[in-house]
Amino acid sequence: LRRVTGTEVRLLRDERPQDQFGRELRYLFTPAGPSIDAELIRQGAARAWRDDGAYRDTLVAVEASARSGGTGCLWRG
């Protein structure tokens, strides 16, 4: 995670700021702009959230590509 994020992250709120348990929901980005969420999914180290969110479709597509390529510990046969 540190390799992907470095030492600083930007947090972006979505329409739903908290889940049903009161946990804060945010998208993570590097200061330069790339999505940390997408990178972790691309590397097969995370799954895309499918219920809602502004970036849901993009992240689900990144996951589909990682799955089809057998990338990372989640999708390796």
C-alpha atoms as a PDB file:
ATOM      1  CA  LEU A   1       0.000   0.000   0.000  1.00  0.00           C
ATOM      2  CA  ARG A   2       2.793   2.411   0.842  1.00  0.00           C
ATOM      3  CA  ARG A   3       4.383   1.776  -2.563  1.00  0.00           C
ATOM      4  CA  VAL A   4       1.124   2.832  -4.242  1.00  0.00           C
ATOM      5  CA  THR A   5       0.270   5.764  -1.963  1.00  0.00           C
ATOM      6  CA  GLY A   6       3.621   7.222  -0.997  1.00  0.00           C
ATOM      7  CA  THR A   7       3.404   9.416   2.089  1.00  0.00           C
ATOM      8  CA  GLU A   8       0.396  11.546   1.208  1.00  0.00           C
ATOM      9  CA  VAL A   9      -3.130  10.937  -0.095  1.00  0.00           C
ATOM     10  CA  ARG A  10      -6.085  13.062  -1.181  1.00  0.00           C
ATOM     11  CA  LEU A  11      -9.566  12.069   0.008  1.00  0.00           C
ATOM     12  CA  LEU A  12     -12.696  12.679  -2.050  1.00  0.00           C
ATOM     13  CA  ARG A  13     -16.199  12.479  -0.582  1.00  0.00           C
ATOM     14  CA  ASP A  14     -19.058  11.014  -2.561  1.00  0.00           C
ATOM     15  CA  GLU A  15     -22.808  11.567  -2.206  1.00  0.00           C
ATOM     16  CA  ARG A  16     -22.956   9.071   0.677  1.00  0.00           C
ATOM     17  CA  PRO A  17     -20.297  10.187   3.185  1.00  0.00           C
ATOM     18  CA  GLN A  18     -20.793   7.318   5.692  1.00  0.00           C
ATOM     19  CA  ASP A  19     -21.875   3.695   5.674  1.00  0.00           C
ATOM     20  CA  GLN A  20     -24.569   2.258   7.965  1.00  0.00           C
ATOM     21  CA  PHE A  21     -22.003   1.782  10.740  1.00  0.00           C
ATOM     22  CA  GLY A  22     -20.870   5.421  10.697  1.00  0.00           C
ATOM     23  CA  ARG A  23     -17.563   4.722   8.924  1.00  0.00           C
ATOM     24  CA  GLU A  24     -16.332   7.506   6.660  1.00  0.00           C
ATOM     25  CA  LEU A  25     -16.433   6.612   2.946  1.00  0.00           C
ATOM     26  CA  ARG A  26     -13.858   8.246   0.683  1.00  0.00           C
ATOM     27  CA  TYR A  27     -12.105   7.692  -2.621  1.00  0.00           C
ATOM     28  CA  LEU A  28      -8.312   7.842  -2.356  1.00  0.00           C
ATOM     29  CA  PHE A  29      -6.022   9.614  -4.807  1.00  0.00           C
ATOM     30  CA  THR A  30      -2.328  10.422  -4.924  1.00  0.00           C
ATOM     31  CA  PRO A  31      -1.448  14.126  -4.769  1.00  0.00           C
ATOM     32  CA  ALA A  32      -0.621  13.909  -8.506  1.00  0.00           C
ATOM     33  CA  GLY A  33      -4.114  12.649  -9.282  1.00  0.00           C
ATOM     34  CA  PRO A  34      -4.173   8.868  -9.960  1.00  0.00           C
ATOM     35  CA  SER A  35      -6.757   6.798  -8.104  1.00  0.00           C
ATOM     36  CA  ILE A  36      -5.267   4.631  -5.371  1.00  0.00           C
ATOM     37  CA  ASP A  37      -8.481   2.584  -5.309  1.00  0.00           C
ATOM     38  CA  ALA A  38      -8.092   1.758  -9.019  1.00  0.00           C
ATOM     39  CA  GLU A  39      -4.408   0.899  -8.644  1.00  0.00           C
ATOM     40  CA  LEU A  40      -5.025  -1.547  -5.793  1.00  0.00           C
ATOM     41  CA  ILE A  41      -7.817  -3.189  -7.806  1.00  0.00           C
ATOM     42  CA  ARG A  42      -5.617  -3.246 -10.935  1.00  0.00           C
ATOM     43  CA  GLN A  43      -2.908  -5.048  -8.955  1.00  0.00           C
ATOM     44  CA  GLY A  44      -5.398  -7.647  -7.719  1.00  0.00           C
ATOM     45  CA  ALA A  45      -5.072  -6.487  -4.116  1.00  0.00           C
ATOM     46  CA  ALA A  46      -8.619  -5.114  -3.683  1.00  0.00           C
ATOM     47  CA  ARG A  47     -12.157  -5.579  -4.964  1.00  0.00           C
ATOM     48  CA  ALA A  48     -14.386  -2.887  -6.438  1.00  0.00           C
ATOM     49  CA  TRP A  49     -17.344  -1.671  -4.379  1.00  0.00           C
ATOM     50  CA  ARG A  50     -20.455  -2.440  -6.421  1.00  0.00           C
ATOM     51  CA  ASP A  51     -23.342  -0.906  -4.472  1.00  0.00           C
ATOM     52  CA  ASP A  52     -23.006   2.772  -5.341  1.00  0.00           C
ATOM     53  CA  GLY A  53     -20.582   5.620  -5.861  1.00  0.00           C
ATOM     54  CA  ALA A  54     -19.455   8.040  -8.515  1.00  0.00           C
ATOM     55  CA  TYR A  55     -16.539   5.807  -9.576  1.00  0.00           C
ATOM     56  CA  ARG A  56     -18.350   2.460  -9.289  1.00  0.00           C
ATOM     57  CA  ASP A  57     -18.520   1.707 -13.020  1.00  0.00           C
ATOM     58  CA  THR A  58     -14.879   2.633 -13.580  1.00  0.00           C
ATOM     59  CA  LEU A  59     -13.636   0.548 -10.654  1.00  0.00           C
ATOM     60  CA  VAL A  60     -15.796  -2.447 -11.617  1.00  0.00           C
ATOM     61  CA  ALA A  61     -14.294  -2.284 -15.134  1.00  0.00           C
ATOM     62  CA  VAL A  62     -10.767  -2.184 -13.673  1.00  0.00           C
ATOM     63  CA  GLU A  63     -11.623  -5.240 -11.587  1.00  0.00           C
ATOM     64  CA  ALA A  64     -12.994  -7.110 -14.615  1.00  0.00           C
ATOM     65  CA  SER A  65      -9.722  -6.492 -16.439  1.00  0.00           C
ATOM     66  CA  ALA A  66      -7.648  -7.669 -13.459  1.00  0.00           C
ATOM     67  CA  ARG A  67      -9.821 -10.771 -13.117  1.00  0.00           C
ATOM     68  CA  SER A  68      -9.543 -11.671 -16.786  1.00  0.00           C
ATOM     69  CA  GLY A  69      -5.772 -11.208 -16.645  1.00  0.00           C
ATOM     70  CA  GLY A  70      -5.422 -13.255 -13.452  1.00  0.00           C
ATOM     71  CA  THR A  71      -3.650 -10.342 -11.786  1.00  0.00           C
ATOM     72  CA  GLY A  72      -2.604 -10.415  -8.138  1.00  0.00           C
ATOM     73  CA  CYS A  73      -3.497 -12.635  -5.229  1.00  0.00           C
ATOM     74  CA  LEU A  74      -7.263 -12.222  -5.668  1.00  0.00           C
ATOM     75  CA  TRP A  75      -7.461 -13.372  -9.280  1.00  0.00           C
ATOM     76  CA  ARG A  76      -4.542 -15.758  -9.661  1.00  0.00           C
ATOM     77  CA  GLY A  77      -5.773 -19.282 -10.483  1.00  0.00           C
END
